[in-house]
Amino acid sequence: MDDTVDDTVNDDLDLDAFTAAVESFNRFYIRLPTLEKLSFTTLSVLDTLAFSDRPMRLTDLTRTEQITQPAITQLVTRLERDGLVQRRPDPSDGRAVLVHITEAGRRICRSRRDDRTRHLSPLIAQLTAEQRKALAGALPALTRLAELGRNRP
């Protein structure tokens, strides 16, 4: 696989600066204080299930979360014990199971988003009107970029 960057994409966007800004923001964002104190991987699995809005196989979660099959199996077992997910047989393949997020799992995801919104609000208020407008203008592109990333094989 060729890791070179296509310069035609860079005409109006410094990809290195974009990557650095996203990484910097992400480091800050994932560490915002929240009431729900769960591991990053646990929260990532819940968020993946909530956002996809469909049940997923363990093998799919292994791929999206980039952890081993035994690790995801152990994590899902813990989440099921805590009432945050349920495992059900896959109707299209009796040998497989589908992992469903429960309402309790969804509440955790909503709570974390609400907590983060509360922490971001006063910070965003310190931005200039032009900076807030720039953020608002970037939302469609960032949303589309996330969609493209999720749909990659």
N, C-alpha and C. Protein backbone atom coordinates (compact mmCIF):
# COMPACT_ATOMS: atom_id res chain seq x y z
N MET A 1 0.84 -1.18 0.00
CA MET A 1 0.00 0.00 0.00
C MET A 1 0.89 1.25 0.00
N ASP A 2 0.54 2.20 -0.82
CA ASP A 2 1.31 3.42 -0.95
C ASP A 2 0.87 4.42 0.11
N ASP A 3 1.81 4.86 0.96
CA ASP A 3 1.47 5.78 2.05
C ASP A 3 1.71 7.24 1.68
N THR A 4 2.05 7.53 0.42
CA THR A 4 2.28 8.91 0.04
C THR A 4 0.97 9.66 0.00
N VAL A 5 1.04 10.95 0.24
CA VAL A 5 -0.14 11.80 0.25
C VAL A 5 -0.35 12.37 -1.14
N ASP A 6 -1.58 12.30 -1.60
CA ASP A 6 -1.93 12.85 -2.91
C ASP A 6 -1.97 14.37 -2.78
N ASP A 7 -1.05 15.06 -3.45
CA ASP A 7 -0.96 16.52 -3.33
C ASP A 7 -2.18 17.23 -3.89
N THR A 8 -2.97 16.58 -4.75
CA THR A 8 -4.16 17.23 -5.28
C THR A 8 -5.18 17.48 -4.19
N VAL A 9 -5.12 16.70 -3.13
CA VAL A 9 -6.03 16.88 -2.01
C VAL A 9 -5.58 18.07 -1.15
N ASN A 10 -4.31 18.42 -1.22
CA ASN A 10 -3.73 19.42 -0.33
C ASN A 10 -3.81 20.85 -0.85
N ASP A 11 -4.43 21.08 -1.98
CA ASP A 11 -4.45 22.43 -2.55
C ASP A 11 -4.96 23.48 -1.56
N ASP A 12 -5.99 23.15 -0.81
CA ASP A 12 -6.57 24.15 0.09
C ASP A 12 -6.61 23.69 1.55
N LEU A 13 -5.89 22.60 1.85
CA LEU A 13 -5.88 22.09 3.22
C LEU A 13 -4.51 21.52 3.54
N ASP A 14 -3.92 22.03 4.58
CA ASP A 14 -2.65 21.50 5.06
C ASP A 14 -2.99 20.27 5.90
N LEU A 15 -2.83 19.07 5.31
CA LEU A 15 -3.22 17.84 5.99
C LEU A 15 -2.42 17.59 7.27
N ASP A 16 -1.17 17.98 7.27
CA ASP A 16 -0.36 17.81 8.48
C ASP A 16 -0.91 18.69 9.61
N ALA A 17 -1.23 19.93 9.30
CA ALA A 17 -1.80 20.83 10.32
C ALA A 17 -3.18 20.34 10.75
N PHE A 18 -3.97 19.84 9.81
CA PHE A 18 -5.30 19.32 10.12
C PHE A 18 -5.16 18.12 11.07
N THR A 19 -4.28 17.19 10.74
CA THR A 19 -4.07 16.00 11.57
C THR A 19 -3.61 16.40 12.97
N ALA A 20 -2.69 17.33 13.05
CA ALA A 20 -2.19 17.78 14.36
C ALA A 20 -3.31 18.43 15.17
N ALA A 21 -4.14 19.24 14.53
CA ALA A 21 -5.24 19.90 15.24
C ALA A 21 -6.26 18.88 15.73
N VAL A 22 -6.59 17.91 14.89
CA VAL A 22 -7.56 16.88 15.30
C VAL A 22 -7.00 16.06 16.45
N GLU A 23 -5.73 15.68 16.36
CA GLU A 23 -5.13 14.91 17.44
C GLU A 23 -5.09 15.70 18.74
N SER A 24 -4.74 16.96 18.65
CA SER A 24 -4.69 17.81 19.85
C SER A 24 -6.08 17.95 20.47
N PHE A 25 -7.08 18.21 19.63
CA PHE A 25 -8.44 18.34 20.14
C PHE A 25 -8.91 17.01 20.73
N ASN A 26 -8.62 15.93 20.05
CA ASN A 26 -9.07 14.63 20.52
C ASN A 26 -8.46 14.29 21.88
N ARG A 27 -7.17 14.58 22.07
CA ARG A 27 -6.53 14.34 23.39
C ARG A 27 -7.27 15.10 24.48
N PHE A 28 -7.61 16.34 24.20
CA PHE A 28 -8.34 17.16 25.16
C PHE A 28 -9.77 16.64 25.36
N TYR A 29 -10.45 16.35 24.26
CA TYR A 29 -11.86 15.99 24.30
C TYR A 29 -12.11 14.68 25.05
N ILE A 30 -11.30 13.66 24.78
CA ILE A 30 -11.56 12.37 25.43
C ILE A 30 -11.26 12.41 26.92
N ARG A 31 -10.56 13.45 27.36
CA ARG A 31 -10.23 13.57 28.78
C ARG A 31 -11.13 14.55 29.54
N LEU A 32 -12.14 15.07 28.85
CA LEU A 32 -13.06 15.97 29.56
C LEU A 32 -13.70 15.22 30.72
N PRO A 33 -13.82 15.84 31.86
CA PRO A 33 -14.42 15.16 33.01
C PRO A 33 -15.87 14.77 32.74
N THR A 34 -16.21 13.57 33.16
CA THR A 34 -17.58 13.09 33.03
C THR A 34 -17.96 12.33 34.29
N LEU A 35 -19.24 12.21 34.49
CA LEU A 35 -19.73 11.47 35.66
C LEU A 35 -19.51 9.97 35.50
N GLU A 36 -19.61 9.48 34.26
CA GLU A 36 -19.44 8.05 33.99
C GLU A 36 -17.95 7.73 33.95
N LYS A 37 -17.48 6.94 34.87
CA LYS A 37 -16.07 6.59 34.96
C LYS A 37 -15.86 5.16 34.47
N LEU A 38 -15.74 5.01 33.17
CA LEU A 38 -15.51 3.71 32.56
C LEU A 38 -14.26 3.80 31.69
N SER A 39 -13.68 2.66 31.37
CA SER A 39 -12.47 2.67 30.55
C SER A 39 -12.76 3.19 29.14
N PHE A 40 -11.71 3.68 28.50
CA PHE A 40 -11.86 4.19 27.14
C PHE A 40 -12.42 3.12 26.22
N THR A 41 -11.92 1.89 26.31
CA THR A 41 -12.38 0.81 25.42
C THR A 41 -13.85 0.48 25.69
N THR A 42 -14.24 0.45 26.95
CA THR A 42 -15.64 0.19 27.30
C THR A 42 -16.53 1.26 26.68
N LEU A 43 -16.15 2.51 26.86
CA LEU A 43 -16.95 3.60 26.31
C LEU A 43 -16.95 3.59 24.79
N SER A 44 -15.84 3.20 24.20
CA SER A 44 -15.77 3.13 22.75
C SER A 44 -16.72 2.07 22.21
N VAL A 45 -16.78 0.91 22.84
CA VAL A 45 -17.70 -0.15 22.41
C VAL A 45 -19.14 0.33 22.54
N LEU A 46 -19.48 0.93 23.66
CA LEU A 46 -20.85 1.44 23.84
C LEU A 46 -21.18 2.49 22.80
N ASP A 47 -20.24 3.40 22.56
CA ASP A 47 -20.47 4.45 21.57
C ASP A 47 -20.62 3.86 20.17
N THR A 48 -19.79 2.88 19.84
CA THR A 48 -19.89 2.23 18.53
C THR A 48 -21.26 1.60 18.35
N LEU A 49 -21.73 0.89 19.37
CA LEU A 49 -23.05 0.25 19.27
C LEU A 49 -24.17 1.28 19.22
N ALA A 50 -24.06 2.34 20.02
CA ALA A 50 -25.10 3.36 20.03
C ALA A 50 -25.14 4.12 18.71
N PHE A 51 -23.97 4.45 18.19
CA PHE A 51 -23.92 5.25 16.97
C PHE A 51 -24.34 4.44 15.75
N SER A 52 -23.95 3.17 15.71
CA SER A 52 -24.31 2.35 14.55
C SER A 52 -25.81 2.05 14.55
N ASP A 53 -26.42 2.12 15.72
CA ASP A 53 -27.85 1.89 15.88
C ASP A 53 -28.28 0.55 15.32
N ARG A 54 -27.38 -0.39 15.35
CA ARG A 54 -27.69 -1.76 14.94
C ARG A 54 -26.81 -2.69 15.76
N PRO A 55 -27.30 -3.89 16.01
CA PRO A 55 -26.45 -4.85 16.72
C PRO A 55 -25.26 -5.23 15.86
N MET A 56 -24.18 -5.65 16.52
CA MET A 56 -22.97 -6.02 15.80
C MET A 56 -22.45 -7.36 16.30
N ARG A 57 -21.78 -8.07 15.40
CA ARG A 57 -21.11 -9.30 15.78
C ARG A 57 -19.83 -8.97 16.55
N LEU A 58 -19.40 -9.92 17.35
CA LEU A 58 -18.14 -9.75 18.08
C LEU A 58 -16.98 -9.51 17.12
N THR A 59 -16.98 -10.19 15.98
CA THR A 59 -15.89 -10.01 15.02
C THR A 59 -15.87 -8.59 14.47
N ASP A 60 -17.05 -7.98 14.29
CA ASP A 60 -17.10 -6.59 13.83
C ASP A 60 -16.56 -5.64 14.90
N LEU A 61 -16.91 -5.90 16.15
CA LEU A 61 -16.41 -5.08 17.25
C LEU A 61 -14.90 -5.24 17.40
N THR A 62 -14.39 -6.43 17.17
CA THR A 62 -12.95 -6.65 17.21
C THR A 62 -12.26 -5.75 16.20
N ARG A 63 -12.84 -5.65 15.01
CA ARG A 63 -12.25 -4.82 13.96
C ARG A 63 -12.37 -3.34 14.29
N THR A 64 -13.57 -2.87 14.68
CA THR A 64 -13.75 -1.44 14.92
C THR A 64 -12.98 -0.95 16.14
N GLU A 65 -12.87 -1.78 17.16
CA GLU A 65 -12.21 -1.37 18.40
C GLU A 65 -10.72 -1.70 18.40
N GLN A 66 -10.28 -2.45 17.40
CA GLN A 66 -8.87 -2.79 17.24
C GLN A 66 -8.29 -3.50 18.47
N ILE A 67 -9.06 -4.47 18.96
CA ILE A 67 -8.58 -5.31 20.06
C ILE A 67 -8.81 -6.77 19.66
N THR A 68 -8.21 -7.68 20.41
CA THR A 68 -8.28 -9.10 20.07
C THR A 68 -9.66 -9.68 20.35
N GLN A 69 -9.94 -10.82 19.71
CA GLN A 69 -11.21 -11.52 19.93
C GLN A 69 -11.39 -11.89 21.41
N PRO A 70 -10.37 -12.45 22.09
CA PRO A 70 -10.57 -12.75 23.51
C PRO A 70 -10.85 -11.50 24.35
N ALA A 71 -10.19 -10.39 24.00
CA ALA A 71 -10.41 -9.15 24.77
C ALA A 71 -11.83 -8.62 24.57
N ILE A 72 -12.33 -8.64 23.34
CA ILE A 72 -13.68 -8.12 23.11
C ILE A 72 -14.71 -9.06 23.74
N THR A 73 -14.46 -10.36 23.70
CA THR A 73 -15.38 -11.32 24.33
C THR A 73 -15.45 -11.07 25.83
N GLN A 74 -14.30 -10.85 26.45
CA GLN A 74 -14.25 -10.58 27.89
C GLN A 74 -14.96 -9.26 28.22
N LEU A 75 -14.73 -8.24 27.40
CA LEU A 75 -15.35 -6.94 27.63
C LEU A 75 -16.86 -7.02 27.47
N VAL A 76 -17.33 -7.68 26.42
CA VAL A 76 -18.78 -7.82 26.20
C VAL A 76 -19.42 -8.62 27.33
N THR A 77 -18.73 -9.62 27.83
CA THR A 77 -19.24 -10.39 28.97
C THR A 77 -19.44 -9.48 30.18
N ARG A 78 -18.46 -8.61 30.43
CA ARG A 78 -18.57 -7.66 31.54
C ARG A 78 -19.71 -6.66 31.31
N LEU A 79 -19.81 -6.14 30.08
CA LEU A 79 -20.88 -5.19 29.76
C LEU A 79 -22.25 -5.84 29.89
N GLU A 80 -22.34 -7.10 29.49
CA GLU A 80 -23.61 -7.82 29.62
C GLU A 80 -23.96 -8.03 31.09
N ARG A 81 -22.98 -8.39 31.88
CA ARG A 81 -23.19 -8.57 33.32
C ARG A 81 -23.68 -7.27 33.97
N ASP A 82 -23.16 -6.13 33.48
CA ASP A 82 -23.54 -4.83 34.02
C ASP A 82 -24.83 -4.28 33.41
N GLY A 83 -25.44 -5.03 32.50
CA GLY A 83 -26.72 -4.62 31.92
C GLY A 83 -26.60 -3.55 30.84
N LEU A 84 -25.41 -3.39 30.27
CA LEU A 84 -25.20 -2.34 29.27
C LEU A 84 -25.35 -2.85 27.84
N VAL A 85 -25.18 -4.15 27.65
CA VAL A 85 -25.40 -4.78 26.34
C VAL A 85 -26.09 -6.12 26.57
N GLN A 86 -26.64 -6.64 25.48
CA GLN A 86 -27.21 -7.99 25.48
C GLN A 86 -26.66 -8.74 24.29
N ARG A 87 -26.45 -10.03 24.47
CA ARG A 87 -26.07 -10.90 23.36
C ARG A 87 -27.29 -11.70 22.95
N ARG A 88 -27.52 -11.75 21.65
CA ARG A 88 -28.64 -12.54 21.11
C ARG A 88 -28.13 -13.32 19.90
N PRO A 89 -28.74 -14.46 19.63
CA PRO A 89 -28.32 -15.22 18.45
C PRO A 89 -28.54 -14.40 17.17
N ASP A 90 -27.63 -14.58 16.23
CA ASP A 90 -27.75 -13.92 14.93
C ASP A 90 -28.75 -14.72 14.11
N PRO A 91 -29.89 -14.12 13.71
CA PRO A 91 -30.91 -14.89 12.98
C PRO A 91 -30.41 -15.40 11.62
N SER A 92 -29.37 -14.77 11.08
CA SER A 92 -28.86 -15.21 9.78
C SER A 92 -27.76 -16.27 9.91
N ASP A 93 -27.26 -16.51 11.13
CA ASP A 93 -26.20 -17.48 11.36
C ASP A 93 -26.28 -17.95 12.80
N GLY A 94 -26.85 -19.11 13.01
CA GLY A 94 -27.08 -19.63 14.36
C GLY A 94 -25.82 -19.81 15.18
N ARG A 95 -24.64 -19.83 14.55
CA ARG A 95 -23.39 -20.01 15.28
C ARG A 95 -22.89 -18.69 15.86
N ALA A 96 -23.39 -17.58 15.34
CA ALA A 96 -22.88 -16.26 15.74
C ALA A 96 -23.87 -15.58 16.68
N VAL A 97 -23.35 -14.58 17.42
CA VAL A 97 -24.20 -13.77 18.27
C VAL A 97 -24.09 -12.31 17.84
N LEU A 98 -25.14 -11.58 18.11
CA LEU A 98 -25.16 -10.14 17.88
C LEU A 98 -25.18 -9.44 19.23
N VAL A 99 -24.42 -8.38 19.33
CA VAL A 99 -24.36 -7.60 20.57
C VAL A 99 -25.25 -6.38 20.38
N HIS A 100 -26.21 -6.21 21.28
CA HIS A 100 -27.16 -5.10 21.26
C HIS A 100 -26.87 -4.19 22.45
N ILE A 101 -26.91 -2.89 22.25
CA ILE A 101 -26.79 -1.98 23.38
C ILE A 101 -28.15 -1.89 24.07
N THR A 102 -28.14 -1.82 25.39
CA THR A 102 -29.39 -1.68 26.14
C THR A 102 -29.69 -0.20 26.38
N GLU A 103 -30.83 0.07 26.91
CA GLU A 103 -31.17 1.47 27.24
C GLU A 103 -30.21 2.02 28.29
N ALA A 104 -29.78 1.18 29.22
CA ALA A 104 -28.80 1.62 30.22
C ALA A 104 -27.49 2.01 29.54
N GLY A 105 -27.07 1.26 28.54
CA GLY A 105 -25.86 1.60 27.78
C GLY A 105 -26.03 2.91 27.03
N ARG A 106 -27.21 3.11 26.45
CA ARG A 106 -27.49 4.38 25.74
C ARG A 106 -27.47 5.56 26.70
N ARG A 107 -27.99 5.36 27.92
CA ARG A 107 -27.99 6.44 28.91
C ARG A 107 -26.57 6.88 29.24
N ILE A 108 -25.65 5.92 29.33
CA ILE A 108 -24.26 6.27 29.61
C ILE A 108 -23.70 7.13 28.48
N CYS A 109 -23.98 6.75 27.24
CA CYS A 109 -23.50 7.54 26.09
C CYS A 109 -24.08 8.95 26.11
N ARG A 110 -25.37 9.06 26.39
CA ARG A 110 -26.01 10.39 26.46
C ARG A 110 -25.45 11.21 27.60
N SER A 111 -25.23 10.58 28.74
CA SER A 111 -24.68 11.28 29.91
C SER A 111 -23.30 11.84 29.60
N ARG A 112 -22.45 11.05 28.96
CA ARG A 112 -21.11 11.52 28.63
C ARG A 112 -21.17 12.69 27.64
N ARG A 113 -22.06 12.60 26.65
CA ARG A 113 -22.18 13.70 25.69
C ARG A 113 -22.68 14.96 26.41
N ASP A 114 -23.65 14.81 27.29
CA ASP A 114 -24.15 15.96 28.05
C ASP A 114 -23.04 16.58 28.91
N ASP A 115 -22.26 15.73 29.58
CA ASP A 115 -21.15 16.22 30.40
C ASP A 115 -20.15 16.99 29.55
N ARG A 116 -19.81 16.43 28.40
CA ARG A 116 -18.84 17.10 27.53
C ARG A 116 -19.39 18.42 27.01
N THR A 117 -20.65 18.45 26.67
CA THR A 117 -21.28 19.69 26.20
C THR A 117 -21.20 20.75 27.29
N ARG A 118 -21.46 20.35 28.53
CA ARG A 118 -21.38 21.28 29.66
C ARG A 118 -19.97 21.86 29.81
N HIS A 119 -18.96 21.03 29.62
CA HIS A 119 -17.57 21.49 29.76
C HIS A 119 -17.13 22.33 28.55
N LEU A 120 -17.63 22.00 27.37
CA LEU A 120 -17.23 22.74 26.17
C LEU A 120 -17.90 24.11 26.08
N SER A 121 -19.10 24.22 26.59
CA SER A 121 -19.88 25.45 26.45
C SER A 121 -19.13 26.71 26.89
N PRO A 122 -18.56 26.74 28.09
CA PRO A 122 -17.86 27.97 28.50
C PRO A 122 -16.58 28.21 27.68
N LEU A 123 -15.97 27.14 27.19
CA LEU A 123 -14.77 27.31 26.37
C LEU A 123 -15.13 27.89 25.00
N ILE A 124 -16.19 27.37 24.42
CA ILE A 124 -16.64 27.87 23.12
C ILE A 124 -17.10 29.33 23.24
N ALA A 125 -17.66 29.67 24.38
CA ALA A 125 -18.07 31.05 24.61
C ALA A 125 -16.89 32.02 24.58
N GLN A 126 -15.68 31.51 24.84
CA GLN A 126 -14.48 32.36 24.82
C GLN A 126 -13.91 32.55 23.41
N LEU A 127 -14.43 31.81 22.45
CA LEU A 127 -14.00 31.98 21.06
C LEU A 127 -14.64 33.23 20.47
N THR A 128 -14.02 33.76 19.46
CA THR A 128 -14.63 34.90 18.76
C THR A 128 -15.81 34.40 17.95
N ALA A 129 -16.67 35.32 17.56
CA ALA A 129 -17.81 34.96 16.72
C ALA A 129 -17.32 34.32 15.42
N GLU A 130 -16.22 34.82 14.89
CA GLU A 130 -15.66 34.27 13.65
C GLU A 130 -15.17 32.83 13.86
N GLN A 131 -14.55 32.55 15.00
CA GLN A 131 -14.08 31.19 15.29
C GLN A 131 -15.25 30.23 15.48
N ARG A 132 -16.31 30.70 16.16
CA ARG A 132 -17.50 29.85 16.33
C ARG A 132 -18.15 29.57 14.97
N LYS A 133 -18.19 30.58 14.12
CA LYS A 133 -18.76 30.40 12.78
C LYS A 133 -17.91 29.41 11.97
N ALA A 134 -16.59 29.49 12.11
CA ALA A 134 -15.70 28.56 11.41
C ALA A 134 -15.95 27.12 11.88
N LEU A 135 -16.13 26.94 13.19
CA LEU A 135 -16.44 25.61 13.70
C LEU A 135 -17.77 25.11 13.14
N ALA A 136 -18.77 25.96 13.15
CA ALA A 136 -20.08 25.57 12.61
C ALA A 136 -19.97 25.21 11.13
N GLY A 137 -19.18 25.98 10.40
CA GLY A 137 -19.01 25.70 8.98
C GLY A 137 -18.27 24.40 8.71
N ALA A 138 -17.42 23.99 9.63
CA ALA A 138 -16.65 22.75 9.46
C ALA A 138 -17.45 21.50 9.80
N LEU A 139 -18.57 21.64 10.51
CA LEU A 139 -19.32 20.47 10.96
C LEU A 139 -19.73 19.53 9.82
N PRO A 140 -20.30 20.04 8.72
CA PRO A 140 -20.67 19.10 7.64
C PRO A 140 -19.48 18.33 7.08
N ALA A 141 -18.36 18.99 6.91
CA ALA A 141 -17.18 18.31 6.38
C ALA A 141 -16.63 17.29 7.37
N LEU A 142 -16.60 17.63 8.66
CA LEU A 142 -16.12 16.69 9.67
C LEU A 142 -17.07 15.48 9.78
N THR A 143 -18.35 15.74 9.70
CA THR A 143 -19.33 14.65 9.74
C THR A 143 -19.14 13.73 8.55
N ARG A 144 -18.97 14.30 7.37
CA ARG A 144 -18.76 13.50 6.16
C ARG A 144 -17.45 12.72 6.23
N LEU A 145 -16.41 13.34 6.74
CA LEU A 145 -15.13 12.66 6.88
C LEU A 145 -15.27 11.45 7.81
N ALA A 146 -16.01 11.60 8.90
CA ALA A 146 -16.25 10.48 9.82
C ALA A 146 -17.04 9.37 9.12
N GLU A 147 -18.03 9.74 8.31
CA GLU A 147 -18.81 8.74 7.56
C GLU A 147 -17.90 7.97 6.60
N LEU A 148 -17.06 8.68 5.89
CA LEU A 148 -16.14 8.02 4.96
C LEU A 148 -15.21 7.08 5.69
N GLY A 149 -14.74 7.49 6.86
CA GLY A 149 -13.86 6.63 7.65
C GLY A 149 -14.56 5.39 8.15
N ARG A 150 -15.80 5.52 8.57
CA ARG A 150 -16.56 4.36 9.05
C ARG A 150 -16.86 3.38 7.94
N ASN A 151 -17.01 3.86 6.73
CA ASN A 151 -17.39 3.00 5.60
C ASN A 151 -16.19 2.36 4.91
N ARG A 152 -14.99 2.64 5.41
CA ARG A 152 -13.80 1.99 4.82
C ARG A 152 -13.80 0.52 5.13
N PRO A 153 -13.29 -0.29 4.20
CA PRO A 153 -13.23 -1.75 4.47
C PRO A 153 -12.27 -2.07 5.59
